PDB file of N, CA and C in Angstrom:
ATOM      1  N   MET A   1      19.910 -11.727  24.401  1.00  0.00           N
ATOM      2  CA  MET A   1      18.620 -11.987  23.768  1.00  0.00           C
ATOM      3  C   MET A   1      18.095 -10.698  23.144  1.00  0.00           C
ATOM      4  N   THR A   2      17.290 -10.815  22.135  1.00  0.00           N
ATOM      5  CA  THR A   2      16.751  -9.688  21.398  1.00  0.00           C
ATOM      6  C   THR A   2      15.701  -8.952  22.226  1.00  0.00           C
ATOM      7  N   ASP A   3      15.760  -7.621  22.198  1.00  0.00           N
ATOM      8  CA  ASP A   3      14.775  -6.784  22.878  1.00  0.00           C
ATOM      9  C   ASP A   3      13.547  -6.665  21.980  1.00  0.00           C
ATOM     10  N   ASN A   4      12.429  -7.259  22.407  1.00  0.00           N
ATOM     11  CA  ASN A   4      11.217  -7.278  21.584  1.00  0.00           C
ATOM     12  C   ASN A   4      10.685  -5.894  21.263  1.00  0.00           C
ATOM     13  N   ASN A   5      10.990  -4.896  22.080  1.00  0.00           N
ATOM     14  CA  ASN A   5      10.443  -3.563  21.857  1.00  0.00           C
ATOM     15  C   ASN A   5      11.201  -2.801  20.774  1.00  0.00           C
ATOM     16  N   SER A   6      12.398  -3.267  20.384  1.00  0.00           N
ATOM     17  CA  SER A   6      13.192  -2.527  19.414  1.00  0.00           C
ATOM     18  C   SER A   6      13.325  -3.243  18.073  1.00  0.00           C
ATOM     19  N   ILE A   7      12.584  -4.302  17.876  1.00  0.00           N
ATOM     20  CA  ILE A   7      12.690  -5.077  16.648  1.00  0.00           C
ATOM     21  C   ILE A   7      12.113  -4.290  15.479  1.00  0.00           C
ATOM     22  N   GLN A   8      12.916  -4.180  14.430  1.00  0.00           N
ATOM     23  CA  GLN A   8      12.446  -3.573  13.194  1.00  0.00           C
ATOM     24  C   GLN A   8      12.794  -4.542  12.078  1.00  0.00           C
ATOM     25  N   PHE A   9      11.783  -5.070  11.435  1.00  0.00           N
ATOM     26  CA  PHE A   9      12.003  -6.093  10.431  1.00  0.00           C
ATOM     27  C   PHE A   9      12.394  -5.523   9.077  1.00  0.00           C
ATOM     28  N   LEU A  10      12.024  -4.281   8.795  1.00  0.00           N
ATOM     29  CA  LEU A  10      12.380  -3.619   7.553  1.00  0.00           C
ATOM     30  C   LEU A  10      12.383  -2.121   7.821  1.00  0.00           C
ATOM     31  N   THR A  11      13.527  -1.478   7.614  1.00  0.00           N
ATOM     32  CA  THR A  11      13.608  -0.041   7.874  1.00  0.00           C
ATOM     33  C   THR A  11      12.996   0.744   6.711  1.00  0.00           C
ATOM     34  N   GLU A  12      12.705   1.997   6.969  1.00  0.00           N
ATOM     35  CA  GLU A  12      12.181   2.859   5.905  1.00  0.00           C
ATOM     36  C   GLU A  12      13.203   2.995   4.783  1.00  0.00           C
ATOM     37  N   GLN A  13      14.483   3.087   5.139  1.00  0.00           N
ATOM     38  CA  GLN A  13      15.533   3.198   4.130  1.00  0.00           C
ATOM     39  C   GLN A  13      15.596   1.940   3.267  1.00  0.00           C
ATOM     40  N   GLU A  14      15.504   0.782   3.899  1.00  0.00           N
ATOM     41  CA  GLU A  14      15.515  -0.466   3.132  1.00  0.00           C
ATOM     42  C   GLU A  14      14.300  -0.552   2.205  1.00  0.00           C
ATOM     43  N   SER A  15      13.152  -0.146   2.704  1.00  0.00           N
ATOM     44  CA  SER A  15      11.947  -0.151   1.889  1.00  0.00           C
ATOM     45  C   SER A  15      12.104   0.785   0.692  1.00  0.00           C
ATOM     46  N   ALA A  16      12.707   1.942   0.926  1.00  0.00           N
ATOM     47  CA  ALA A  16      12.951   2.889  -0.163  1.00  0.00           C
ATOM     48  C   ALA A  16      13.924   2.304  -1.184  1.00  0.00           C
ATOM     49  N   GLU A  17      14.936   1.573  -0.706  1.00  0.00           N
ATOM     50  CA  GLU A  17      15.885   0.936  -1.620  1.00  0.00           C
ATOM     51  C   GLU A  17      15.177  -0.108  -2.485  1.00  0.00           C
ATOM     52  N   VAL A  18      14.261  -0.857  -1.880  1.00  0.00           N
ATOM     53  CA  VAL A  18      13.491  -1.834  -2.644  1.00  0.00           C
ATOM     54  C   VAL A  18      12.642  -1.113  -3.685  1.00  0.00           C
ATOM     55  N   ASP A  19      12.031   0.010  -3.291  1.00  0.00           N
ATOM     56  CA  ASP A  19      11.215   0.782  -4.236  1.00  0.00           C
ATOM     57  C   ASP A  19      12.028   1.235  -5.447  1.00  0.00           C
ATOM     58  N   LYS A  20      13.306   1.586  -5.230  1.00  0.00           N
ATOM     59  CA  LYS A  20      14.154   2.074  -6.323  1.00  0.00           C
ATOM     60  C   LYS A  20      14.643   0.942  -7.231  1.00  0.00           C
ATOM     61  N   ALA A  21      14.579  -0.280  -6.743  1.00  0.00           N
ATOM     62  CA  ALA A  21      15.076  -1.415  -7.522  1.00  0.00           C
ATOM     63  C   ALA A  21      14.235  -1.624  -8.774  1.00  0.00           C
ATOM     64  N   LEU A  22      14.862  -2.133  -9.790  1.00  0.00           N
ATOM     65  CA  LEU A  22      14.179  -2.397 -11.059  1.00  0.00           C
ATOM     66  C   LEU A  22      13.466  -3.740 -10.972  1.00  0.00           C
ATOM     67  N   LEU A  23      12.397  -3.737 -10.174  1.00  0.00           N
ATOM     68  CA  LEU A  23      11.616  -4.950  -9.912  1.00  0.00           C
ATOM     69  C   LEU A  23      10.140  -4.661 -10.147  1.00  0.00           C
ATOM     70  N   SER A  24       9.388  -5.697 -10.465  1.00  0.00           N
ATOM     71  CA  SER A  24       7.937  -5.560 -10.572  1.00  0.00           C
ATOM     72  C   SER A  24       7.356  -5.423  -9.163  1.00  0.00           C
ATOM     73  N   SER A  25       6.125  -5.023  -9.070  1.00  0.00           N
ATOM     74  CA  SER A  25       5.468  -4.898  -7.762  1.00  0.00           C
ATOM     75  C   SER A  25       5.475  -6.210  -6.986  1.00  0.00           C
ATOM     76  N   PRO A  26       5.140  -7.354  -7.623  1.00  0.00           N
ATOM     77  CA  PRO A  26       5.202  -8.619  -6.881  1.00  0.00           C
ATOM     78  C   PRO A  26       6.623  -8.955  -6.406  1.00  0.00           C
ATOM     79  N   GLU A  27       7.628  -8.616  -7.232  1.00  0.00           N
ATOM     80  CA  GLU A  27       9.015  -8.872  -6.838  1.00  0.00           C
ATOM     81  C   GLU A  27       9.429  -7.981  -5.670  1.00  0.00           C
ATOM     82  N   LYS A  28       8.968  -6.747  -5.662  1.00  0.00           N
ATOM     83  CA  LYS A  28       9.267  -5.847  -4.537  1.00  0.00           C
ATOM     84  C   LYS A  28       8.632  -6.367  -3.257  1.00  0.00           C
ATOM     85  N   PHE A  29       7.389  -6.821  -3.356  1.00  0.00           N
ATOM     86  CA  PHE A  29       6.719  -7.385  -2.192  1.00  0.00           C
ATOM     87  C   PHE A  29       7.506  -8.579  -1.653  1.00  0.00           C
ATOM     88  N   LEU A  30       7.901  -9.476  -2.540  1.00  0.00           N
ATOM     89  CA  LEU A  30       8.639 -10.669  -2.128  1.00  0.00           C
ATOM     90  C   LEU A  30      10.002 -10.296  -1.535  1.00  0.00           C
ATOM     91  N   THR A  31      10.640  -9.281  -2.082  1.00  0.00           N
ATOM     92  CA  THR A  31      11.924  -8.818  -1.541  1.00  0.00           C
ATOM     93  C   THR A  31      11.751  -8.307  -0.117  1.00  0.00           C
ATOM     94  N   ARG A  32      10.735  -7.479   0.126  1.00  0.00           N
ATOM     95  CA  ARG A  32      10.476  -6.972   1.482  1.00  0.00           C
ATOM     96  C   ARG A  32      10.171  -8.123   2.439  1.00  0.00           C
ATOM     97  N   LEU A  33       9.347  -9.047   1.971  1.00  0.00           N
ATOM     98  CA  LEU A  33       8.983 -10.207   2.785  1.00  0.00           C
ATOM     99  C   LEU A  33      10.218 -11.041   3.125  1.00  0.00           C
ATOM    100  N   THR A  34      11.102 -11.217   2.159  1.00  0.00           N
ATOM    101  CA  THR A  34      12.307 -12.015   2.376  1.00  0.00           C
ATOM    102  C   THR A  34      13.237 -11.352   3.389  1.00  0.00           C
ATOM    103  N   ILE A  35      13.446 -10.064   3.271  1.00  0.00           N
ATOM    104  CA  ILE A  35      14.294  -9.345   4.235  1.00  0.00           C
ATOM    105  C   ILE A  35      13.698  -9.462   5.633  1.00  0.00           C
ATOM    106  N   SER A  36      12.407  -9.222   5.758  1.00  0.00           N
ATOM    107  CA  SER A  36      11.734  -9.303   7.055  1.00  0.00           C
ATOM    108  C   SER A  36      11.779 -10.721   7.616  1.00  0.00           C
ATOM    109  N   SER A  37      11.554 -11.695   6.760  1.00  0.00           N
ATOM    110  CA  SER A  37      11.569 -13.095   7.200  1.00  0.00           C
ATOM    111  C   SER A  37      12.950 -13.510   7.672  1.00  0.00           C
ATOM    112  N   PHE A  38      13.975 -13.058   6.984  1.00  0.00           N
ATOM    113  CA  PHE A  38      15.336 -13.370   7.400  1.00  0.00           C
ATOM    114  C   PHE A  38      15.612 -12.834   8.805  1.00  0.00           C
ATOM    115  N   ARG A  39      15.175 -11.609   9.058  1.00  0.00           N
ATOM    116  CA  ARG A  39      15.376 -11.027  10.393  1.00  0.00           C
ATOM    117  C   ARG A  39      14.620 -11.826  11.451  1.00  0.00           C
ATOM    118  N   LEU A  40      13.402 -12.234  11.134  1.00  0.00           N
ATOM    119  CA  LEU A  40      12.616 -13.022  12.081  1.00  0.00           C
ATOM    120  C   LEU A  40      13.257 -14.389  12.307  1.00  0.00           C
ATOM    121  N   LEU A  41      13.753 -15.012  11.266  1.00  0.00           N
ATOM    122  CA  LEU A  41      14.425 -16.311  11.427  1.00  0.00           C
ATOM    123  C   LEU A  41      15.654 -16.190  12.324  1.00  0.00           C
ATOM    124  N   LYS A  42      16.373 -15.073  12.226  1.00  0.00           N
ATOM    125  CA  LYS A  42      17.524 -14.862  13.110  1.00  0.00           C
ATOM    126  C   LYS A  42      17.076 -14.785  14.567  1.00  0.00           C
ATOM    127  N   ILE A  43      15.951 -14.135  14.828  1.00  0.00           N
ATOM    128  CA  ILE A  43      15.405 -14.048  16.190  1.00  0.00           C
ATOM    129  C   ILE A  43      14.987 -15.421  16.684  1.00  0.00           C
ATOM    130  N   ILE A  44      14.281 -16.156  15.844  1.00  0.00           N
ATOM    131  CA  ILE A  44      13.830 -17.500  16.226  1.00  0.00           C
ATOM    132  C   ILE A  44      15.034 -18.386  16.523  1.00  0.00           C
ATOM    133  N   ALA A  45      16.036 -18.361  15.667  1.00  0.00           N
ATOM    134  CA  ALA A  45      17.231 -19.182  15.868  1.00  0.00           C
ATOM    135  C   ALA A  45      17.923 -18.817  17.183  1.00  0.00           C
ATOM    136  N   GLU A  46      18.028 -17.529  17.457  1.00  0.00           N
ATOM    137  CA  GLU A  46      18.652 -17.077  18.706  1.00  0.00           C
ATOM    138  C   GLU A  46      17.881 -17.617  19.906  1.00  0.00           C
ATOM    139  N   GLN A  47      16.573 -17.493  19.875  1.00  0.00           N
ATOM    140  CA  GLN A  47      15.759 -17.953  21.000  1.00  0.00           C
ATOM    141  C   GLN A  47      15.765 -19.473  21.140  1.00  0.00           C
ATOM    142  N   GLU A  48      15.938 -20.180  20.030  1.00  0.00           N
ATOM    143  CA  GLU A  48      15.974 -21.640  20.053  1.00  0.00           C
ATOM    144  C   GLU A  48      17.380 -22.173  20.313  1.00  0.00           C
ATOM    145  N   GLY A  49      18.365 -21.293  20.252  1.00  0.00           N
ATOM    146  CA  GLY A  49      19.742 -21.694  20.505  1.00  0.00           C
ATOM    147  C   GLY A  49      20.366 -22.511  19.383  1.00  0.00           C
ATOM    148  N   VAL A  50      19.967 -22.221  18.148  1.00  0.00           N
ATOM    149  CA  VAL A  50      20.525 -22.926  16.992  1.00  0.00           C
ATOM    150  C   VAL A  50      20.902 -21.909  15.918  1.00  0.00           C
ATOM    151  N   ALA A  51      21.680 -22.359  14.952  1.00  0.00           N
ATOM    152  CA  ALA A  51      21.989 -21.518  13.799  1.00  0.00           C
ATOM    153  C   ALA A  51      20.761 -21.442  12.904  1.00  0.00           C
ATOM    154  N   VAL A  52      20.621 -20.335  12.188  1.00  0.00           N
ATOM    155  CA  VAL A  52      19.472 -20.162  11.294  1.00  0.00           C
ATOM    156  C   VAL A  52      19.345 -21.350  10.342  1.00  0.00           C
ATOM    157  N   GLU A  53      20.460 -21.780   9.790  1.00  0.00           N
ATOM    158  CA  GLU A  53      20.401 -22.866   8.806  1.00  0.00           C
ATOM    159  C   GLU A  53      20.018 -24.208   9.419  1.00  0.00           C
ATOM    160  N   ASP A  54      20.063 -24.298  10.744  1.00  0.00           N
ATOM    161  CA  ASP A  54      19.691 -25.544  11.416  1.00  0.00           C
ATOM    162  C   ASP A  54      18.243 -25.561  11.901  1.00  0.00           C
ATOM    163  N   LEU A  55      17.535 -24.443  11.741  1.00  0.00           N
ATOM    164  CA  LEU A  55      16.127 -24.412  12.140  1.00  0.00           C
ATOM    165  C   LEU A  55      15.321 -25.411  11.315  1.00  0.00           C
ATOM    166  N   THR A  56      14.396 -26.063  11.970  1.00  0.00           N
ATOM    167  CA  THR A  56      13.499 -26.981  11.264  1.00  0.00           C
ATOM    168  C   THR A  56      12.123 -26.334  11.148  1.00  0.00           C
ATOM    169  N   PRO A  57      11.310 -26.787  10.201  1.00  0.00           N
ATOM    170  CA  PRO A  57       9.947 -26.270  10.123  1.00  0.00           C
ATOM    171  C   PRO A  57       9.197 -26.463  11.448  1.00  0.00           C
ATOM    172  N   GLU A  58       9.443 -27.567  12.117  1.00  0.00           N
ATOM    173  CA  GLU A  58       8.763 -27.832  13.394  1.00  0.00           C
ATOM    174  C   GLU A  58       9.148 -26.785  14.444  1.00  0.00           C
ATOM    175  N   GLN A  59      10.420 -26.392  14.475  1.00  0.00           N
ATOM    176  CA  GLN A  59      10.853 -25.372  15.429  1.00  0.00           C
ATOM    177  C   GLN A  59      10.213 -24.023  15.120  1.00  0.00           C
ATOM    178  N   ILE A  60      10.103 -23.711  13.850  1.00  0.00           N
ATOM    179  CA  ILE A  60       9.504 -22.435  13.446  1.00  0.00           C
ATOM    180  C   ILE A  60       8.021 -22.420  13.817  1.00  0.00           C
ATOM    181  N   ILE A  61       7.319 -23.507  13.537  1.00  0.00           N
ATOM    182  CA  ILE A  61       5.898 -23.598  13.901  1.00  0.00           C
ATOM    183  C   ILE A  61       5.730 -23.479  15.408  1.00  0.00           C
ATOM    184  N   ALA A  62       6.550 -24.203  16.165  1.00  0.00           N
ATOM    185  CA  ALA A  62       6.467 -24.154  17.629  1.00  0.00           C
ATOM    186  C   ALA A  62       6.738 -22.748  18.138  1.00  0.00           C
ATOM    187  N   TRP A  63       7.677 -22.046  17.506  1.00  0.00           N
ATOM    188  CA  TRP A  63       7.979 -20.677  17.927  1.00  0.00           C
ATOM    189  C   TRP A  63       6.764 -19.772  17.717  1.00  0.00           C
ATOM    190  N   PHE A  64       6.108 -19.897  16.557  1.00  0.00           N
ATOM    191  CA  PHE A  64       4.914 -19.090  16.289  1.00  0.00           C
ATOM    192  C   PHE A  64       3.806 -19.411  17.292  1.00  0.00           C
ATOM    193  N   GLU A  65       3.656 -20.683  17.627  1.00  0.00           N
ATOM    194  CA  GLU A  65       2.658 -21.067  18.634  1.00  0.00           C
ATOM    195  C   GLU A  65       2.981 -20.429  19.975  1.00  0.00           C
ATOM    196  N   LYS A  66       4.256 -20.460  20.350  1.00  0.00           N
ATOM    197  CA  LYS A  66       4.679 -19.887  21.630  1.00  0.00           C
ATOM    198  C   LYS A  66       4.472 -18.371  21.648  1.00  0.00           C
ATOM    199  N   ASP A  67       4.848 -17.706  20.555  1.00  0.00           N
ATOM    200  CA  ASP A  67       4.683 -16.252  20.489  1.00  0.00           C
ATOM    201  C   ASP A  67       3.206 -15.878  20.532  1.00  0.00           C
ATOM    202  N   GLY A  68       2.354 -16.674  19.862  1.00  0.00           N
ATOM    203  CA  GLY A  68       0.910 -16.429  19.906  1.00  0.00           C
ATOM    204  C   GLY A  68       0.349 -16.603  21.311  1.00  0.00           C
ATOM    205  N   LYS A  69       0.843 -17.606  22.016  1.00  0.00           N
ATOM    206  CA  LYS A  69       0.394 -17.839  23.384  1.00  0.00           C
ATOM    207  C   LYS A  69       0.798 -16.674  24.292  1.00  0.00           C
ATOM    208  N   ILE A  70       2.021 -16.186  24.120  1.00  0.00           N
ATOM    209  CA  ILE A  70       2.481 -15.028  24.903  1.00  0.00           C
ATOM    210  C   ILE A  70       1.578 -13.830  24.623  1.00  0.00           C
ATOM    211  N   ARG A  71       1.248 -13.605  23.348  1.00  0.00           N
ATOM    212  CA  ARG A  71       0.387 -12.479  22.972  1.00  0.00           C
ATOM    213  C   ARG A  71      -0.977 -12.586  23.621  1.00  0.00           C
ATOM    214  N   ARG A  72      -1.549 -13.798  23.611  1.00  0.00           N
ATOM    215  CA  ARG A  72      -2.881 -13.993  24.196  1.00  0.00           C
ATOM    216  C   ARG A  72      -2.861 -13.863  25.716  1.00  0.00           C
ATOM    217  N   GLU A  73      -1.839 -14.392  26.353  1.00  0.00           N
ATOM    218  CA  GLU A  73      -1.803 -14.440  27.813  1.00  0.00           C
ATOM    219  C   GLU A  73      -1.206 -13.189  28.455  1.00  0.00           C
ATOM    220  N   GLN A  74      -0.229 -12.560  27.787  1.00  0.00           N
ATOM    221  CA  GLN A  74       0.482 -11.442  28.402  1.00  0.00           C
ATOM    222  C   GLN A  74       0.279 -10.112  27.681  1.00  0.00           C
ATOM    223  N   GLY A  75      -0.355 -10.173  26.526  1.00  0.00           N
ATOM    224  CA  GLY A  75      -0.586  -8.955  25.770  1.00  0.00           C
ATOM    225  C   GLY A  75       0.385  -8.794  24.623  1.00  0.00           C
ATOM    226  N   ILE A  76       0.002  -7.952  23.696  1.00  0.00           N
ATOM    227  CA  ILE A  76       0.765  -7.777  22.454  1.00  0.00           C
ATOM    228  C   ILE A  76       2.175  -7.268  22.707  1.00  0.00           C
ATOM    229  N   GLU A  77       2.372  -6.438  23.709  1.00  0.00           N
ATOM    230  CA  GLU A  77       3.701  -5.869  23.962  1.00  0.00           C
ATOM    231  C   GLU A  77       4.696  -6.914  24.438  1.00  0.00           C
ATOM    232  N   ALA A  78       4.229  -8.017  25.010  1.00  0.00           N
ATOM    233  CA  ALA A  78       5.112  -9.068  25.500  1.00  0.00           C
ATOM    234  C   ALA A  78       5.564  -9.995  24.374  1.00  0.00           C
ATOM    235  N   ALA A  79       4.840 -10.014  23.280  1.00  0.00           N
ATOM    236  CA  ALA A  79       5.141 -10.908  22.163  1.00  0.00           C
ATOM    237  C   ALA A  79       6.192 -10.272  21.247  1.00  0.00           C
ATOM    238  N   THR A  80       6.824 -11.103  20.450  1.00  0.00           N
ATOM    239  CA  THR A  80       7.778 -10.599  19.478  1.00  0.00           C
ATOM    240  C   THR A  80       7.063  -9.949  18.305  1.00  0.00           C
ATOM    241  N   LEU A  81       6.051 -10.626  17.785  1.00  0.00           N
ATOM    242  CA  LEU A  81       5.289 -10.094  16.661  1.00  0.00           C
ATOM    243  C   LEU A  81       4.137  -9.257  17.189  1.00  0.00           C
ATOM    244  N   LYS A  82       4.043  -8.054  16.705  1.00  0.00           N
ATOM    245  CA  LYS A  82       3.060  -7.082  17.201  1.00  0.00           C
ATOM    246  C   LYS A  82       1.891  -6.951  16.228  1.00  0.00           C
ATOM    247  N   TRP A  83       1.103  -7.997  16.089  1.00  0.00           N
ATOM    248  CA  TRP A  83      -0.074  -7.899  15.224  1.00  0.00           C
ATOM    249  C   TRP A  83      -1.282  -8.451  15.892  1.00  0.00           C
TER     250      TRP A  83
END
């Protein structure tokens, strides 16, 4: 299982690579979001015991609800998302 304390959704190097790309500001934002979202989907799929491509919107919503509940009940450090 993924260690919640070591999760990095976008590295500084990856962000710098996006900055160097010949993209508009909105495209750079979407690129960063897509890379980060892909990493999060891999975590969700792992925790749900399914392949990323088999995740359903309902599973993703339920995962966010569960992670939010963990954050509220156990604190931010116990949750996957640290916001």
